[in-house]
Amino acid sequence: MTDEPIKGPASYFPSIEKRYGKPIAEWQDLVRRSLPARHMELVSMLKNDHGMGHGHANAIVAHVLAAEKG
């Protein structure tokens, strides 16, 4: 068993939880409740309504949209 580092959007999740004080599942649910919407509309919502930085907002949105595609 290897301890490979987490890659992609999920690599931001520990710092997002620490900085914004909510579990990732809550942020993901918030994004899912806002669907359907375009990627950048969702990023802007997280930034404007919740004070999230662009990189963190983008990571959450990208991860949710990738999971929705299946």
N, C-alpha and C. Protein backbone atom coordinates (compact mmCIF):
# COMPACT_ATOMS: atom_id res chain seq x y z
N MET A 1 0.85 -1.18 0.00
CA MET A 1 0.00 0.00 0.00
C MET A 1 0.89 1.24 0.00
N THR A 2 0.62 2.15 -0.93
CA THR A 2 1.44 3.34 -1.01
C THR A 2 0.68 4.55 -0.49
N ASP A 3 1.43 5.51 0.02
CA ASP A 3 0.83 6.75 0.49
C ASP A 3 1.09 7.83 -0.54
N GLU A 4 0.44 7.68 -1.69
CA GLU A 4 0.61 8.66 -2.75
C GLU A 4 -0.11 9.94 -2.37
N PRO A 5 0.48 11.07 -2.69
CA PRO A 5 -0.20 12.33 -2.38
C PRO A 5 -1.48 12.48 -3.19
N ILE A 6 -2.46 13.13 -2.59
CA ILE A 6 -3.71 13.40 -3.28
C ILE A 6 -3.45 14.42 -4.37
N LYS A 7 -4.01 14.17 -5.54
CA LYS A 7 -3.80 15.08 -6.68
C LYS A 7 -5.12 15.68 -7.11
N GLY A 8 -5.03 16.72 -7.91
CA GLY A 8 -6.21 17.35 -8.46
C GLY A 8 -6.92 18.23 -7.44
N PRO A 9 -8.19 18.56 -7.72
CA PRO A 9 -8.93 19.46 -6.85
C PRO A 9 -8.99 19.01 -5.39
N ALA A 10 -9.05 17.71 -5.16
CA ALA A 10 -9.16 17.20 -3.79
C ALA A 10 -7.93 17.54 -2.95
N SER A 11 -6.83 17.87 -3.57
CA SER A 11 -5.63 18.22 -2.80
C SER A 11 -5.83 19.51 -2.01
N TYR A 12 -6.80 20.33 -2.41
CA TYR A 12 -7.10 21.57 -1.70
C TYR A 12 -8.01 21.36 -0.48
N PHE A 13 -8.69 20.22 -0.40
CA PHE A 13 -9.74 20.04 0.59
C PHE A 13 -9.31 20.25 2.04
N PRO A 14 -8.17 19.71 2.48
CA PRO A 14 -7.78 19.95 3.88
C PRO A 14 -7.62 21.44 4.20
N SER A 15 -7.02 22.20 3.31
CA SER A 15 -6.83 23.63 3.58
C SER A 15 -8.15 24.39 3.49
N ILE A 16 -9.07 23.95 2.64
CA ILE A 16 -10.39 24.59 2.55
C ILE A 16 -11.14 24.39 3.87
N GLU A 17 -11.14 23.18 4.37
CA GLU A 17 -11.82 22.90 5.64
C GLU A 17 -11.22 23.72 6.77
N LYS A 18 -9.91 23.80 6.81
CA LYS A 18 -9.23 24.55 7.87
C LYS A 18 -9.54 26.04 7.77
N ARG A 19 -9.47 26.59 6.58
CA ARG A 19 -9.64 28.04 6.41
C ARG A 19 -11.08 28.51 6.60
N TYR A 20 -12.04 27.73 6.09
CA TYR A 20 -13.43 28.19 6.09
C TYR A 20 -14.30 27.52 7.15
N GLY A 21 -13.75 26.55 7.87
CA GLY A 21 -14.42 25.98 9.03
C GLY A 21 -15.62 25.09 8.77
N LYS A 22 -15.78 24.63 7.55
CA LYS A 22 -16.88 23.71 7.22
C LYS A 22 -16.30 22.49 6.52
N PRO A 23 -16.92 21.33 6.73
CA PRO A 23 -16.46 20.15 6.00
C PRO A 23 -16.71 20.29 4.50
N ILE A 24 -15.90 19.65 3.72
CA ILE A 24 -16.02 19.70 2.26
C ILE A 24 -17.41 19.25 1.81
N ALA A 25 -17.98 18.27 2.49
CA ALA A 25 -19.31 17.79 2.11
C ALA A 25 -20.35 18.91 2.13
N GLU A 26 -20.24 19.84 3.06
CA GLU A 26 -21.18 20.97 3.10
C GLU A 26 -21.00 21.88 1.89
N TRP A 27 -19.75 22.15 1.53
CA TRP A 27 -19.50 22.99 0.35
C TRP A 27 -19.99 22.30 -0.91
N GLN A 28 -19.74 20.99 -1.00
CA GLN A 28 -20.20 20.24 -2.17
C GLN A 28 -21.72 20.24 -2.27
N ASP A 29 -22.40 20.07 -1.14
CA ASP A 29 -23.86 20.10 -1.14
C ASP A 29 -24.37 21.47 -1.58
N LEU A 30 -23.73 22.53 -1.13
CA LEU A 30 -24.11 23.88 -1.52
C LEU A 30 -24.01 24.05 -3.04
N VAL A 31 -22.92 23.57 -3.61
CA VAL A 31 -22.74 23.66 -5.06
C VAL A 31 -23.79 22.82 -5.78
N ARG A 32 -24.04 21.60 -5.30
CA ARG A 32 -25.04 20.73 -5.95
C ARG A 32 -26.43 21.36 -5.92
N ARG A 33 -26.77 22.03 -4.82
CA ARG A 33 -28.08 22.68 -4.72
C ARG A 33 -28.21 23.86 -5.69
N SER A 34 -27.09 24.37 -6.16
CA SER A 34 -27.09 25.50 -7.09
C SER A 34 -27.10 25.06 -8.55
N LEU A 35 -27.05 23.76 -8.79
CA LEU A 35 -27.10 23.24 -10.16
C LEU A 35 -28.52 23.29 -10.69
N PRO A 36 -28.74 23.43 -11.99
CA PRO A 36 -27.71 23.59 -13.00
C PRO A 36 -27.20 25.03 -13.05
N ALA A 37 -25.93 25.16 -13.23
CA ALA A 37 -25.27 26.45 -13.39
C ALA A 37 -23.93 26.21 -14.06
N ARG A 38 -23.40 27.25 -14.65
CA ARG A 38 -22.10 27.14 -15.31
C ARG A 38 -20.99 27.15 -14.26
N HIS A 39 -19.87 26.58 -14.62
CA HIS A 39 -18.72 26.47 -13.74
C HIS A 39 -18.39 27.81 -13.07
N MET A 40 -18.18 28.84 -13.89
CA MET A 40 -17.76 30.13 -13.33
C MET A 40 -18.86 30.81 -12.53
N GLU A 41 -20.12 30.53 -12.81
CA GLU A 41 -21.21 31.05 -11.99
C GLU A 41 -21.13 30.46 -10.59
N LEU A 42 -20.83 29.19 -10.50
CA LEU A 42 -20.69 28.52 -9.20
C LEU A 42 -19.47 29.03 -8.45
N VAL A 43 -18.37 29.21 -9.15
CA VAL A 43 -17.16 29.76 -8.53
C VAL A 43 -17.45 31.16 -7.98
N SER A 44 -18.10 31.98 -8.78
CA SER A 44 -18.44 33.34 -8.34
C SER A 44 -19.35 33.33 -7.12
N MET A 45 -20.30 32.41 -7.08
CA MET A 45 -21.20 32.30 -5.92
C MET A 45 -20.40 32.01 -4.65
N LEU A 46 -19.48 31.07 -4.72
CA LEU A 46 -18.68 30.74 -3.54
C LEU A 46 -17.80 31.92 -3.13
N LYS A 47 -17.26 32.62 -4.10
CA LYS A 47 -16.40 33.77 -3.81
C LYS A 47 -17.20 34.93 -3.23
N ASN A 48 -18.29 35.29 -3.88
CA ASN A 48 -19.06 36.47 -3.50
C ASN A 48 -19.92 36.26 -2.26
N ASP A 49 -20.55 35.10 -2.16
CA ASP A 49 -21.48 34.86 -1.06
C ASP A 49 -20.82 34.27 0.17
N HIS A 50 -19.64 33.67 0.01
CA HIS A 50 -19.02 32.96 1.13
C HIS A 50 -17.57 33.36 1.38
N GLY A 51 -17.06 34.34 0.62
CA GLY A 51 -15.72 34.85 0.85
C GLY A 51 -14.59 33.89 0.54
N MET A 52 -14.87 32.94 -0.33
CA MET A 52 -13.86 31.93 -0.66
C MET A 52 -12.90 32.47 -1.73
N GLY A 53 -11.65 32.08 -1.65
CA GLY A 53 -10.68 32.44 -2.67
C GLY A 53 -10.96 31.70 -3.97
N HIS A 54 -10.45 32.25 -5.07
CA HIS A 54 -10.72 31.68 -6.39
C HIS A 54 -10.25 30.23 -6.51
N GLY A 55 -9.04 29.94 -6.09
CA GLY A 55 -8.51 28.58 -6.23
C GLY A 55 -9.30 27.56 -5.44
N HIS A 56 -9.69 27.91 -4.22
CA HIS A 56 -10.48 27.00 -3.40
C HIS A 56 -11.87 26.80 -4.00
N ALA A 57 -12.51 27.88 -4.43
CA ALA A 57 -13.84 27.78 -5.04
C ALA A 57 -13.78 26.93 -6.30
N ASN A 58 -12.78 27.16 -7.12
CA ASN A 58 -12.62 26.41 -8.35
C ASN A 58 -12.41 24.93 -8.08
N ALA A 59 -11.64 24.60 -7.06
CA ALA A 59 -11.39 23.19 -6.72
C ALA A 59 -12.68 22.48 -6.34
N ILE A 60 -13.50 23.11 -5.52
CA ILE A 60 -14.76 22.48 -5.10
C ILE A 60 -15.68 22.30 -6.30
N VAL A 61 -15.85 23.35 -7.09
CA VAL A 61 -16.74 23.28 -8.24
C VAL A 61 -16.26 22.22 -9.23
N ALA A 62 -14.98 22.20 -9.53
CA ALA A 62 -14.44 21.22 -10.48
C ALA A 62 -14.69 19.80 -9.99
N HIS A 63 -14.49 19.57 -8.71
CA HIS A 63 -14.67 18.24 -8.15
C HIS A 63 -16.14 17.81 -8.22
N VAL A 64 -17.05 18.72 -7.87
CA VAL A 64 -18.48 18.40 -7.92
C VAL A 64 -18.93 18.14 -9.35
N LEU A 65 -18.53 19.00 -10.28
CA LEU A 65 -18.97 18.82 -11.67
C LEU A 65 -18.40 17.54 -12.28
N ALA A 66 -17.18 17.19 -11.94
CA ALA A 66 -16.61 15.94 -12.43
C ALA A 66 -17.39 14.73 -11.90
N ALA A 67 -17.77 14.78 -10.63
CA ALA A 67 -18.54 13.69 -10.04
C ALA A 67 -19.93 13.60 -10.66
N GLU A 68 -20.53 14.75 -11.00
CA GLU A 68 -21.86 14.77 -11.60
C GLU A 68 -21.85 14.15 -13.00
N LYS A 69 -20.74 14.29 -13.71
CA LYS A 69 -20.62 13.71 -15.05
C LYS A 69 -20.57 12.20 -14.98
N GLY A 70 -20.11 11.70 -13.83
CA GLY A 70 -20.09 10.27 -13.63
C GLY A 70 -18.82 9.66 -13.99
